[in-house]
Amino acid sequence: MGWASGYIERLRKGETVSFRPRGHSMKGKVASGQLCTVAPFASEAEREALAVGDIVLCKVHGSEYLHLVVARQPGRFQIGNNRGNINGWVGPNAIFGRLVALGD
């Protein structure tokens, strides 16, 4: 169970979630402690339509991240942070929602 497990469960139920992640891996896109709103996918087609540059709540190798889609291939997405680090490749079922709003 990680920092985002409760949010992931709510996204799986179709709820939009808001939280304030801590850390500096997304500096320049998301500040530490900034309010982030993540929405679930309305359909599998919407999840498959993710683009490079989208910020997503996902799980890579058992760890939970609010990170970027940095590359994509048919049926999989490469996840990384805004500092050049790569977390790895995941299938669409490891991505639970997309960042839709940033607040203060």
PDB file of N, CA and C in Angstrom:
ATOM      1  N   MET A   1       0.853  -1.187   0.000  1.00  0.00           N
ATOM      2  CA  MET A   1       0.000   0.000   0.000  1.00  0.00           C
ATOM      3  C   MET A   1       0.891   1.240   0.000  1.00  0.00           C
ATOM      4  N   GLY A   2       0.687   2.107  -0.979  1.00  0.00           N
ATOM      5  CA  GLY A   2       1.522   3.289  -1.110  1.00  0.00           C
ATOM      6  C   GLY A   2       0.752   4.565  -0.821  1.00  0.00           C
ATOM      7  N   TRP A   3       1.398   5.684  -1.058  1.00  0.00           N
ATOM      8  CA  TRP A   3       0.819   6.993  -0.745  1.00  0.00           C
ATOM      9  C   TRP A   3      -0.467   7.268  -1.513  1.00  0.00           C
ATOM     10  N   ALA A   4      -0.623   6.677  -2.691  1.00  0.00           N
ATOM     11  CA  ALA A   4      -1.778   6.992  -3.542  1.00  0.00           C
ATOM     12  C   ALA A   4      -2.839   5.893  -3.569  1.00  0.00           C
ATOM     13  N   SER A   5      -2.693   4.850  -2.776  1.00  0.00           N
ATOM     14  CA  SER A   5      -3.615   3.705  -2.840  1.00  0.00           C
ATOM     15  C   SER A   5      -5.076   4.113  -2.668  1.00  0.00           C
ATOM     16  N   GLY A   6      -5.367   4.971  -1.715  1.00  0.00           N
ATOM     17  CA  GLY A   6      -6.742   5.422  -1.502  1.00  0.00           C
ATOM     18  C   GLY A   6      -7.279   6.206  -2.685  1.00  0.00           C
ATOM     19  N   TYR A   7      -6.444   7.024  -3.287  1.00  0.00           N
ATOM     20  CA  TYR A   7      -6.864   7.797  -4.463  1.00  0.00           C
ATOM     21  C   TYR A   7      -7.111   6.873  -5.655  1.00  0.00           C
ATOM     22  N   ILE A   8      -6.252   5.870  -5.808  1.00  0.00           N
ATOM     23  CA  ILE A   8      -6.415   4.911  -6.905  1.00  0.00           C
ATOM     24  C   ILE A   8      -7.736   4.162  -6.759  1.00  0.00           C
ATOM     25  N   GLU A   9      -8.061   3.742  -5.550  1.00  0.00           N
ATOM     26  CA  GLU A   9      -9.333   3.036  -5.329  1.00  0.00           C
ATOM     27  C   GLU A   9     -10.521   3.921  -5.701  1.00  0.00           C
ATOM     28  N   ARG A  10     -10.450   5.186  -5.333  1.00  0.00           N
ATOM     29  CA  ARG A  10     -11.540   6.109  -5.664  1.00  0.00           C
ATOM     30  C   ARG A  10     -11.624   6.331  -7.175  1.00  0.00           C
ATOM     31  N   LEU A  11     -10.487   6.448  -7.848  1.00  0.00           N
ATOM     32  CA  LEU A  11     -10.484   6.586  -9.307  1.00  0.00           C
ATOM     33  C   LEU A  11     -11.098   5.362  -9.961  1.00  0.00           C
ATOM     34  N   ARG A  12     -10.783   4.187  -9.453  1.00  0.00           N
ATOM     35  CA  ARG A  12     -11.360   2.947  -9.994  1.00  0.00           C
ATOM     36  C   ARG A  12     -12.884   2.927  -9.862  1.00  0.00           C
ATOM     37  N   LYS A  13     -13.404   3.625  -8.874  1.00  0.00           N
ATOM     38  CA  LYS A  13     -14.854   3.709  -8.664  1.00  0.00           C
ATOM     39  C   LYS A  13     -15.482   4.826  -9.494  1.00  0.00           C
ATOM     40  N   GLY A  14     -14.661   5.544 -10.265  1.00  0.00           N
ATOM     41  CA  GLY A  14     -15.175   6.599 -11.123  1.00  0.00           C
ATOM     42  C   GLY A  14     -15.174   7.981 -10.504  1.00  0.00           C
ATOM     43  N   GLU A  15     -14.541   8.130  -9.348  1.00  0.00           N
ATOM     44  CA  GLU A  15     -14.502   9.433  -8.674  1.00  0.00           C
ATOM     45  C   GLU A  15     -13.283  10.249  -9.118  1.00  0.00           C
ATOM     46  N   THR A  16     -13.439  11.560  -9.170  1.00  0.00           N
ATOM     47  CA  THR A  16     -12.325  12.478  -9.362  1.00  0.00           C
ATOM     48  C   THR A  16     -11.728  12.747  -7.992  1.00  0.00           C
ATOM     49  N   VAL A  17     -10.400  12.823  -7.902  1.00  0.00           N
ATOM     50  CA  VAL A  17      -9.725  13.006  -6.617  1.00  0.00           C
ATOM     51  C   VAL A  17      -8.825  14.236  -6.659  1.00  0.00           C
ATOM     52  N   SER A  18      -8.591  14.810  -5.491  1.00  0.00           N
ATOM     53  CA  SER A  18      -7.644  15.925  -5.349  1.00  0.00           C
ATOM     54  C   SER A  18      -6.713  15.616  -4.192  1.00  0.00           C
ATOM     55  N   PHE A  19      -5.446  15.969  -4.350  1.00  0.00           N
ATOM     56  CA  PHE A  19      -4.448  15.717  -3.315  1.00  0.00           C
ATOM     57  C   PHE A  19      -3.264  16.646  -3.541  1.00  0.00           C
ATOM     58  N   ARG A  20      -2.358  16.661  -2.578  1.00  0.00           N
ATOM     59  CA  ARG A  20      -1.163  17.506  -2.630  1.00  0.00           C
ATOM     60  C   ARG A  20       0.089  16.628  -2.525  1.00  0.00           C
ATOM     61  N   PRO A  21       0.612  16.162  -3.652  1.00  0.00           N
ATOM     62  CA  PRO A  21       1.806  15.310  -3.594  1.00  0.00           C
ATOM     63  C   PRO A  21       3.030  16.105  -3.146  1.00  0.00           C
ATOM     64  N   ARG A  22       3.937  15.416  -2.511  1.00  0.00           N
ATOM     65  CA  ARG A  22       5.182  16.032  -2.029  1.00  0.00           C
ATOM     66  C   ARG A  22       6.366  15.481  -2.823  1.00  0.00           C
ATOM     67  N   GLY A  23       7.333  16.319  -3.054  1.00  0.00           N
ATOM     68  CA  GLY A  23       8.536  15.910  -3.770  1.00  0.00           C
ATOM     69  C   GLY A  23       8.850  16.886  -4.889  1.00  0.00           C
ATOM     70  N   HIS A  24      10.006  16.686  -5.501  1.00  0.00           N
ATOM     71  CA  HIS A  24      10.483  17.636  -6.508  1.00  0.00           C
ATOM     72  C   HIS A  24      10.705  17.007  -7.882  1.00  0.00           C
ATOM     73  N   SER A  25      10.256  15.766  -8.063  1.00  0.00           N
ATOM     74  CA  SER A  25      10.502  15.080  -9.332  1.00  0.00           C
ATOM     75  C   SER A  25       9.727  15.687 -10.495  1.00  0.00           C
ATOM     76  N   MET A  26       8.664  16.433 -10.187  1.00  0.00           N
ATOM     77  CA  MET A  26       7.864  17.047 -11.259  1.00  0.00           C
ATOM     78  C   MET A  26       8.012  18.572 -11.282  1.00  0.00           C
ATOM     79  N   LYS A  27       9.053  19.079 -10.612  1.00  0.00           N
ATOM     80  CA  LYS A  27       9.304  20.527 -10.566  1.00  0.00           C
ATOM     81  C   LYS A  27       9.285  21.100 -11.979  1.00  0.00           C
ATOM     82  N   GLY A  28       8.593  22.219 -12.116  1.00  0.00           N
ATOM     83  CA  GLY A  28       8.430  22.843 -13.423  1.00  0.00           C
ATOM     84  C   GLY A  28       7.069  22.538 -14.026  1.00  0.00           C
ATOM     85  N   LYS A  29       6.462  21.455 -13.575  1.00  0.00           N
ATOM     86  CA  LYS A  29       5.107  21.085 -14.007  1.00  0.00           C
ATOM     87  C   LYS A  29       4.160  21.060 -12.809  1.00  0.00           C
ATOM     88  N   VAL A  30       4.605  20.422 -11.715  1.00  0.00           N
ATOM     89  CA  VAL A  30       3.822  20.327 -10.484  1.00  0.00           C
ATOM     90  C   VAL A  30       4.763  20.636  -9.326  1.00  0.00           C
ATOM     91  N   ALA A  31       4.429  21.630  -8.530  1.00  0.00           N
ATOM     92  CA  ALA A  31       5.249  21.985  -7.368  1.00  0.00           C
ATOM     93  C   ALA A  31       4.919  21.077  -6.194  1.00  0.00           C
ATOM     94  N   SER A  32       5.888  20.845  -5.334  1.00  0.00           N
ATOM     95  CA  SER A  32       5.655  20.054  -4.133  1.00  0.00           C
ATOM     96  C   SER A  32       4.545  20.693  -3.300  1.00  0.00           C
ATOM     97  N   GLY A  33       3.534  19.922  -2.958  1.00  0.00           N
ATOM     98  CA  GLY A  33       2.418  20.409  -2.164  1.00  0.00           C
ATOM     99  C   GLY A  33       1.329  21.117  -2.940  1.00  0.00           C
ATOM    100  N   GLN A  34       1.480  21.226  -4.242  1.00  0.00           N
ATOM    101  CA  GLN A  34       0.465  21.892  -5.063  1.00  0.00           C
ATOM    102  C   GLN A  34      -0.774  21.004  -5.182  1.00  0.00           C
ATOM    103  N   LEU A  35      -1.948  21.608  -5.142  1.00  0.00           N
ATOM    104  CA  LEU A  35      -3.196  20.861  -5.249  1.00  0.00           C
ATOM    105  C   LEU A  35      -3.344  20.312  -6.663  1.00  0.00           C
ATOM    106  N   CYS A  36      -3.504  18.995  -6.772  1.00  0.00           N
ATOM    107  CA  CYS A  36      -3.651  18.308  -8.051  1.00  0.00           C
ATOM    108  C   CYS A  36      -5.009  17.624  -8.097  1.00  0.00           C
ATOM    109  N   THR A  37      -5.712  17.798  -9.184  1.00  0.00           N
ATOM    110  CA  THR A  37      -6.986  17.109  -9.392  1.00  0.00           C
ATOM    111  C   THR A  37      -6.807  16.124 -10.534  1.00  0.00           C
ATOM    112  N   VAL A  38      -7.132  14.864 -10.244  1.00  0.00           N
ATOM    113  CA  VAL A  38      -6.968  13.773 -11.201  1.00  0.00           C
ATOM    114  C   VAL A  38      -8.331  13.152 -11.455  1.00  0.00           C
ATOM    115  N   ALA A  39      -8.669  12.984 -12.726  1.00  0.00           N
ATOM    116  CA  ALA A  39      -9.957  12.409 -13.111  1.00  0.00           C
ATOM    117  C   ALA A  39      -9.753  10.997 -13.663  1.00  0.00           C
ATOM    118  N   PRO A  40     -10.727  10.124 -13.408  1.00  0.00           N
ATOM    119  CA  PRO A  40     -10.664   8.783 -13.984  1.00  0.00           C
ATOM    120  C   PRO A  40     -10.950   8.841 -15.478  1.00  0.00           C
ATOM    121  N   PHE A  41     -10.702   7.752 -16.160  1.00  0.00           N
ATOM    122  CA  PHE A  41     -10.980   7.674 -17.586  1.00  0.00           C
ATOM    123  C   PHE A  41     -12.438   7.290 -17.795  1.00  0.00           C
ATOM    124  N   ALA A  42     -13.105   7.978 -18.711  1.00  0.00           N
ATOM    125  CA  ALA A  42     -14.510   7.693 -19.002  1.00  0.00           C
ATOM    126  C   ALA A  42     -14.654   6.402 -19.794  1.00  0.00           C
ATOM    127  N   SER A  43     -13.580   6.008 -20.502  1.00  0.00           N
ATOM    128  CA  SER A  43     -13.626   4.798 -21.323  1.00  0.00           C
ATOM    129  C   SER A  43     -12.205   4.296 -21.548  1.00  0.00           C
ATOM    130  N   GLU A  44     -12.105   3.061 -22.009  1.00  0.00           N
ATOM    131  CA  GLU A  44     -10.789   2.520 -22.359  1.00  0.00           C
ATOM    132  C   GLU A  44     -10.191   3.289 -23.528  1.00  0.00           C
ATOM    133  N   ALA A  45     -11.025   3.754 -24.434  1.00  0.00           N
ATOM    134  CA  ALA A  45     -10.533   4.531 -25.574  1.00  0.00           C
ATOM    135  C   ALA A  45      -9.861   5.827 -25.092  1.00  0.00           C
ATOM    136  N   GLU A  46     -10.433   6.439 -24.067  1.00  0.00           N
ATOM    137  CA  GLU A  46      -9.829   7.660 -23.515  1.00  0.00           C
ATOM    138  C   GLU A  46      -8.466   7.353 -22.901  1.00  0.00           C
ATOM    139  N   ARG A  47      -8.368   6.239 -22.205  1.00  0.00           N
ATOM    140  CA  ARG A  47      -7.081   5.840 -21.609  1.00  0.00           C
ATOM    141  C   ARG A  47      -6.066   5.565 -22.717  1.00  0.00           C
ATOM    142  N   GLU A  48      -6.480   4.867 -23.751  1.00  0.00           N
ATOM    143  CA  GLU A  48      -5.584   4.545 -24.867  1.00  0.00           C
ATOM    144  C   GLU A  48      -5.142   5.799 -25.628  1.00  0.00           C
ATOM    145  N   ALA A  49      -5.902   6.891 -25.511  1.00  0.00           N
ATOM    146  CA  ALA A  49      -5.596   8.125 -26.223  1.00  0.00           C
ATOM    147  C   ALA A  49      -4.589   9.007 -25.483  1.00  0.00           C
ATOM    148  N   LEU A  50      -4.072   8.544 -24.359  1.00  0.00           N
ATOM    149  CA  LEU A  50      -3.073   9.339 -23.641  1.00  0.00           C
ATOM    150  C   LEU A  50      -1.932   9.722 -24.579  1.00  0.00           C
ATOM    151  N   ALA A  51      -1.417  10.920 -24.374  1.00  0.00           N
ATOM    152  CA  ALA A  51      -0.356  11.436 -25.236  1.00  0.00           C
ATOM    153  C   ALA A  51       0.906  11.710 -24.428  1.00  0.00           C
ATOM    154  N   VAL A  52       2.025  11.726 -25.115  1.00  0.00           N
ATOM    155  CA  VAL A  52       3.282  12.130 -24.491  1.00  0.00           C
ATOM    156  C   VAL A  52       3.081  13.529 -23.900  1.00  0.00           C
ATOM    157  N   GLY A  53       3.482  13.707 -22.657  1.00  0.00           N
ATOM    158  CA  GLY A  53       3.320  14.985 -21.966  1.00  0.00           C
ATOM    159  C   GLY A  53       2.162  14.987 -20.987  1.00  0.00           C
ATOM    160  N   ASP A  54       1.230  14.032 -21.108  1.00  0.00           N
ATOM    161  CA  ASP A  54       0.140  13.944 -20.136  1.00  0.00           C
ATOM    162  C   ASP A  54       0.707  13.542 -18.780  1.00  0.00           C
ATOM    163  N   ILE A  55       0.152  14.093 -17.722  1.00  0.00           N
ATOM    164  CA  ILE A  55       0.533  13.739 -16.352  1.00  0.00           C
ATOM    165  C   ILE A  55      -0.529  12.783 -15.825  1.00  0.00           C
ATOM    166  N   VAL A  56      -0.071  11.642 -15.305  1.00  0.00           N
ATOM    167  CA  VAL A  56      -0.991  10.582 -14.906  1.00  0.00           C
ATOM    168  C   VAL A  56      -0.657  10.060 -13.513  1.00  0.00           C
ATOM    169  N   LEU A  57      -1.673   9.525 -12.847  1.00  0.00           N
ATOM    170  CA  LEU A  57      -1.472   8.782 -11.608  1.00  0.00           C
ATOM    171  C   LEU A  57      -1.379   7.318 -12.012  1.00  0.00           C
ATOM    172  N   CYS A  58      -0.257   6.694 -11.695  1.00  0.00           N
ATOM    173  CA  CYS A  58       0.001   5.347 -12.196  1.00  0.00           C
ATOM    174  C   CYS A  58       0.809   4.548 -11.190  1.00  0.00           C
ATOM    175  N   LYS A  59       0.986   3.280 -11.533  1.00  0.00           N
ATOM    176  CA  LYS A  59       1.805   2.379 -10.735  1.00  0.00           C
ATOM    177  C   LYS A  59       2.822   1.736 -11.663  1.00  0.00           C
ATOM    178  N   VAL A  60       4.114   1.859 -11.314  1.00  0.00           N
ATOM    179  CA  VAL A  60       5.200   1.285 -12.097  1.00  0.00           C
ATOM    180  C   VAL A  60       6.059   0.449 -11.160  1.00  0.00           C
ATOM    181  N   HIS A  61       6.209  -0.824 -11.474  1.00  0.00           N
ATOM    182  CA  HIS A  61       7.003  -1.743 -10.652  1.00  0.00           C
ATOM    183  C   HIS A  61       6.600  -1.668  -9.180  1.00  0.00           C
ATOM    184  N   GLY A  62       5.293  -1.537  -8.913  1.00  0.00           N
ATOM    185  CA  GLY A  62       4.773  -1.528  -7.552  1.00  0.00           C
ATOM    186  C   GLY A  62       4.789  -0.190  -6.848  1.00  0.00           C
ATOM    187  N   SER A  63       5.381   0.829  -7.447  1.00  0.00           N
ATOM    188  CA  SER A  63       5.424   2.164  -6.845  1.00  0.00           C
ATOM    189  C   SER A  63       4.416   3.079  -7.522  1.00  0.00           C
ATOM    190  N   GLU A  64       3.838   3.979  -6.748  1.00  0.00           N
ATOM    191  CA  GLU A  64       2.810   4.895  -7.247  1.00  0.00           C
ATOM    192  C   GLU A  64       3.431   6.254  -7.550  1.00  0.00           C
ATOM    193  N   TYR A  65       3.027   6.818  -8.694  1.00  0.00           N
ATOM    194  CA  TYR A  65       3.602   8.075  -9.151  1.00  0.00           C
ATOM    195  C   TYR A  65       2.538   8.985  -9.758  1.00  0.00           C
ATOM    196  N   LEU A  66       2.739  10.272  -9.612  1.00  0.00           N
ATOM    197  CA  LEU A  66       2.063  11.275 -10.429  1.00  0.00           C
ATOM    198  C   LEU A  66       3.161  11.793 -11.351  1.00  0.00           C
ATOM    199  N   HIS A  67       3.292  11.167 -12.509  1.00  0.00           N
ATOM    200  CA  HIS A  67       4.400  11.442 -13.424  1.00  0.00           C
ATOM    201  C   HIS A  67       3.908  11.582 -14.852  1.00  0.00           C
ATOM    202  N   LEU A  68       4.844  11.799 -15.745  1.00  0.00           N
ATOM    203  CA  LEU A  68       4.560  12.060 -17.154  1.00  0.00           C
ATOM    204  C   LEU A  68       4.550  10.799 -18.001  1.00  0.00           C
ATOM    205  N   VAL A  69       3.725  10.824 -19.029  1.00  0.00           N
ATOM    206  CA  VAL A  69       3.875   9.873 -20.129  1.00  0.00           C
ATOM    207  C   VAL A  69       4.989  10.457 -20.988  1.00  0.00           C
ATOM    208  N   VAL A  70       6.122   9.755 -21.082  1.00  0.00           N
ATOM    209  CA  VAL A  70       7.267  10.292 -21.825  1.00  0.00           C
ATOM    210  C   VAL A  70       7.445   9.640 -23.192  1.00  0.00           C
ATOM    211  N   ALA A  71       6.808   8.495 -23.389  1.00  0.00           N
ATOM    212  CA  ALA A  71       6.826   7.825 -24.693  1.00  0.00           C
ATOM    213  C   ALA A  71       5.659   6.852 -24.721  1.00  0.00           C
ATOM    214  N   ARG A  72       5.297   6.453 -25.934  1.00  0.00           N
ATOM    215  CA  ARG A  72       4.234   5.455 -26.041  1.00  0.00           C
ATOM    216  C   ARG A  72       4.484   4.571 -27.244  1.00  0.00           C
ATOM    217  N   GLN A  73       4.030   3.349 -27.109  1.00  0.00           N
ATOM    218  CA  GLN A  73       4.040   2.366 -28.172  1.00  0.00           C
ATOM    219  C   GLN A  73       2.666   1.705 -28.135  1.00  0.00           C
ATOM    220  N   PRO A  74       2.297   0.972 -29.150  1.00  0.00           N
ATOM    221  CA  PRO A  74       0.985   0.322 -29.122  1.00  0.00           C
ATOM    222  C   PRO A  74       0.808  -0.522 -27.847  1.00  0.00           C
ATOM    223  N   GLY A  75      -0.198  -0.172 -27.049  1.00  0.00           N
ATOM    224  CA  GLY A  75      -0.532  -0.945 -25.861  1.00  0.00           C
ATOM    225  C   GLY A  75       0.319  -0.712 -24.635  1.00  0.00           C
ATOM    226  N   ARG A  76       1.247   0.261 -24.689  1.00  0.00           N
ATOM    227  CA  ARG A  76       2.049   0.548 -23.492  1.00  0.00           C
ATOM    228  C   ARG A  76       2.558   1.982 -23.498  1.00  0.00           C
ATOM    229  N   PHE A  77       2.909   2.427 -22.283  1.00  0.00           N
ATOM    230  CA  PHE A  77       3.322   3.808 -22.061  1.00  0.00           C
ATOM    231  C   PHE A  77       4.580   3.823 -21.210  1.00  0.00           C
ATOM    232  N   GLN A  78       5.527   4.703 -21.557  1.00  0.00           N
ATOM    233  CA  GLN A  78       6.713   4.886 -20.727  1.00  0.00           C
ATOM    234  C   GLN A  78       6.457   6.045 -19.784  1.00  0.00           C
ATOM    235  N   ILE A  79       6.723   5.825 -18.501  1.00  0.00           N
ATOM    236  CA  ILE A  79       6.473   6.815 -17.470  1.00  0.00           C
ATOM    237  C   ILE A  79       7.799   7.345 -16.951  1.00  0.00           C
ATOM    238  N   GLY A  80       7.864   8.662 -16.731  1.00  0.00           N
ATOM    239  CA  GLY A  80       9.054   9.284 -16.171  1.00  0.00           C
ATOM    240  C   GLY A  80       8.691  10.568 -15.465  1.00  0.00           C
ATOM    241  N   ASN A  81       9.691  11.175 -14.839  1.00  0.00           N
ATOM    242  CA  ASN A  81       9.436  12.440 -14.150  1.00  0.00           C
ATOM    243  C   ASN A  81       9.880  13.623 -15.015  1.00  0.00           C
ATOM    244  N   ASN A  82       9.798  14.806 -14.471  1.00  0.00           N
ATOM    245  CA  ASN A  82      10.153  16.012 -15.229  1.00  0.00           C
ATOM    246  C   ASN A  82      11.625  16.369 -15.088  1.00  0.00           C
ATOM    247  N   ARG A  83      12.410  15.445 -14.553  1.00  0.00           N
ATOM    248  CA  ARG A  83      13.843  15.679 -14.380  1.00  0.00           C
ATOM    249  C   ARG A  83      14.675  14.708 -15.226  1.00  0.00           C
ATOM    250  N   GLY A  84      13.992  13.958 -16.089  1.00  0.00           N
ATOM    251  CA  GLY A  84      14.700  13.062 -16.993  1.00  0.00           C
ATOM    252  C   GLY A  84      14.807  11.616 -16.540  1.00  0.00           C
ATOM    253  N   ASN A  85      14.322  11.305 -15.340  1.00  0.00           N
ATOM    254  CA  ASN A  85      14.369   9.917 -14.869  1.00  0.00           C
ATOM    255  C   ASN A  85      13.209   9.123 -15.458  1.00  0.00           C
ATOM    256  N   ILE A  86      13.479   7.888 -15.817  1.00  0.00           N
ATOM    257  CA  ILE A  86      12.467   7.000 -16.382  1.00  0.00           C
ATOM    258  C   ILE A  86      12.093   5.962 -15.332  1.00  0.00           C
ATOM    259  N   ASN A  87      10.782   5.801 -15.100  1.00  0.00           N
ATOM    260  CA  ASN A  87      10.302   4.791 -14.157  1.00  0.00           C
ATOM    261  C   ASN A  87      10.144   3.432 -14.833  1.00  0.00           C
ATOM    262  N   GLY A  88       9.678   3.428 -16.088  1.00  0.00           N
ATOM    263  CA  GLY A  88       9.512   2.178 -16.812  1.00  0.00           C
ATOM    264  C   GLY A  88       8.289   2.200 -17.705  1.00  0.00           C
ATOM    265  N   TRP A  89       8.064   1.066 -18.352  1.00  0.00           N
ATOM    266  CA  TRP A  89       6.925   0.894 -19.251  1.00  0.00           C
ATOM    267  C   TRP A  89       5.784   0.229 -18.499  1.00  0.00           C
ATOM    268  N   VAL A  90       4.553   0.669 -18.792  1.00  0.00           N
ATOM    269  CA  VAL A  90       3.358   0.075 -18.191  1.00  0.00           C
ATOM    270  C   VAL A  90       2.283  -0.098 -19.255  1.00  0.00           C
ATOM    271  N   GLY A  91       1.385  -1.034 -18.981  1.00  0.00           N
ATOM    272  CA  GLY A  91       0.209  -1.180 -19.812  1.00  0.00           C
ATOM    273  C   GLY A  91      -0.849  -0.182 -19.376  1.00  0.00           C
ATOM    274  N   PRO A  92      -1.898  -0.047 -20.150  1.00  0.00           N
ATOM    275  CA  PRO A  92      -2.930   0.942 -19.827  1.00  0.00           C
ATOM    276  C   PRO A  92      -3.630   0.693 -18.505  1.00  0.00           C
ATOM    277  N   ASN A  93      -3.683  -0.539 -18.027  1.00  0.00           N
ATOM    278  CA  ASN A  93      -4.360  -0.826 -16.760  1.00  0.00           C
ATOM    279  C   ASN A  93      -3.573  -0.377 -15.540  1.00  0.00           C
ATOM    280  N   ALA A  94      -2.319   0.045 -15.711  1.00  0.00           N
ATOM    281  CA  ALA A  94      -1.514   0.557 -14.607  1.00  0.00           C
ATOM    282  C   ALA A  94      -1.609   2.078 -14.496  1.00  0.00           C
ATOM    283  N   ILE A  95      -2.430   2.687 -15.351  1.00  0.00           N
ATOM    284  CA  ILE A  95      -2.655   4.135 -15.316  1.00  0.00           C
ATOM    285  C   ILE A  95      -4.101   4.346 -14.890  1.00  0.00           C
ATOM    286  N   PHE A  96      -4.292   5.086 -13.798  1.00  0.00           N
ATOM    287  CA  PHE A  96      -5.604   5.162 -13.152  1.00  0.00           C
ATOM    288  C   PHE A  96      -6.355   6.465 -13.408  1.00  0.00           C
ATOM    289  N   GLY A  97      -5.638   7.531 -13.751  1.00  0.00           N
ATOM    290  CA  GLY A  97      -6.285   8.804 -14.019  1.00  0.00           C
ATOM    291  C   GLY A  97      -5.305   9.803 -14.594  1.00  0.00           C
ATOM    292  N   ARG A  98      -5.859  10.882 -15.127  1.00  0.00           N
ATOM    293  CA  ARG A  98      -5.061  11.934 -15.752  1.00  0.00           C
ATOM    294  C   ARG A  98      -5.243  13.231 -14.966  1.00  0.00           C
ATOM    295  N   LEU A  99      -4.153  13.980 -14.815  1.00  0.00           N
ATOM    296  CA  LEU A  99      -4.212  15.293 -14.164  1.00  0.00           C
ATOM    297  C   LEU A  99      -5.064  16.218 -15.011  1.00  0.00           C
ATOM    298  N   VAL A 100      -6.097  16.821 -14.390  1.00  0.00           N
ATOM    299  CA  VAL A 100      -6.996  17.712 -15.132  1.00  0.00           C
ATOM    300  C   VAL A 100      -6.945  19.146 -14.625  1.00  0.00           C
ATOM    301  N   ALA A 101      -6.377  19.355 -13.417  1.00  0.00           N
ATOM    302  CA  ALA A 101      -6.316  20.716 -12.881  1.00  0.00           C
ATOM    303  C   ALA A 101      -5.232  20.811 -11.815  1.00  0.00           C
ATOM    304  N   LEU A 102      -4.608  21.991 -11.784  1.00  0.00           N
ATOM    305  CA  LEU A 102      -3.639  22.338 -10.734  1.00  0.00           C
ATOM    306  C   LEU A 102      -4.177  23.555  -9.991  1.00  0.00           C
ATOM    307  N   GLY A 103      -4.031  23.545  -8.668  1.00  0.00           N
ATOM    308  CA  GLY A 103      -4.454  24.681  -7.857  1.00  0.00           C
ATOM    309  C   GLY A 103      -3.306  25.189  -7.018  1.00  0.00           C
ATOM    310  N   ASP A 104      -3.628  26.031  -6.065  1.00  0.00           N
ATOM    311  CA  ASP A 104      -2.602  26.602  -5.167  1.00  0.00           C
ATOM    312  C   ASP A 104      -2.299  25.697  -4.008  1.00  0.00           C
TER     313      ASP A 104
END
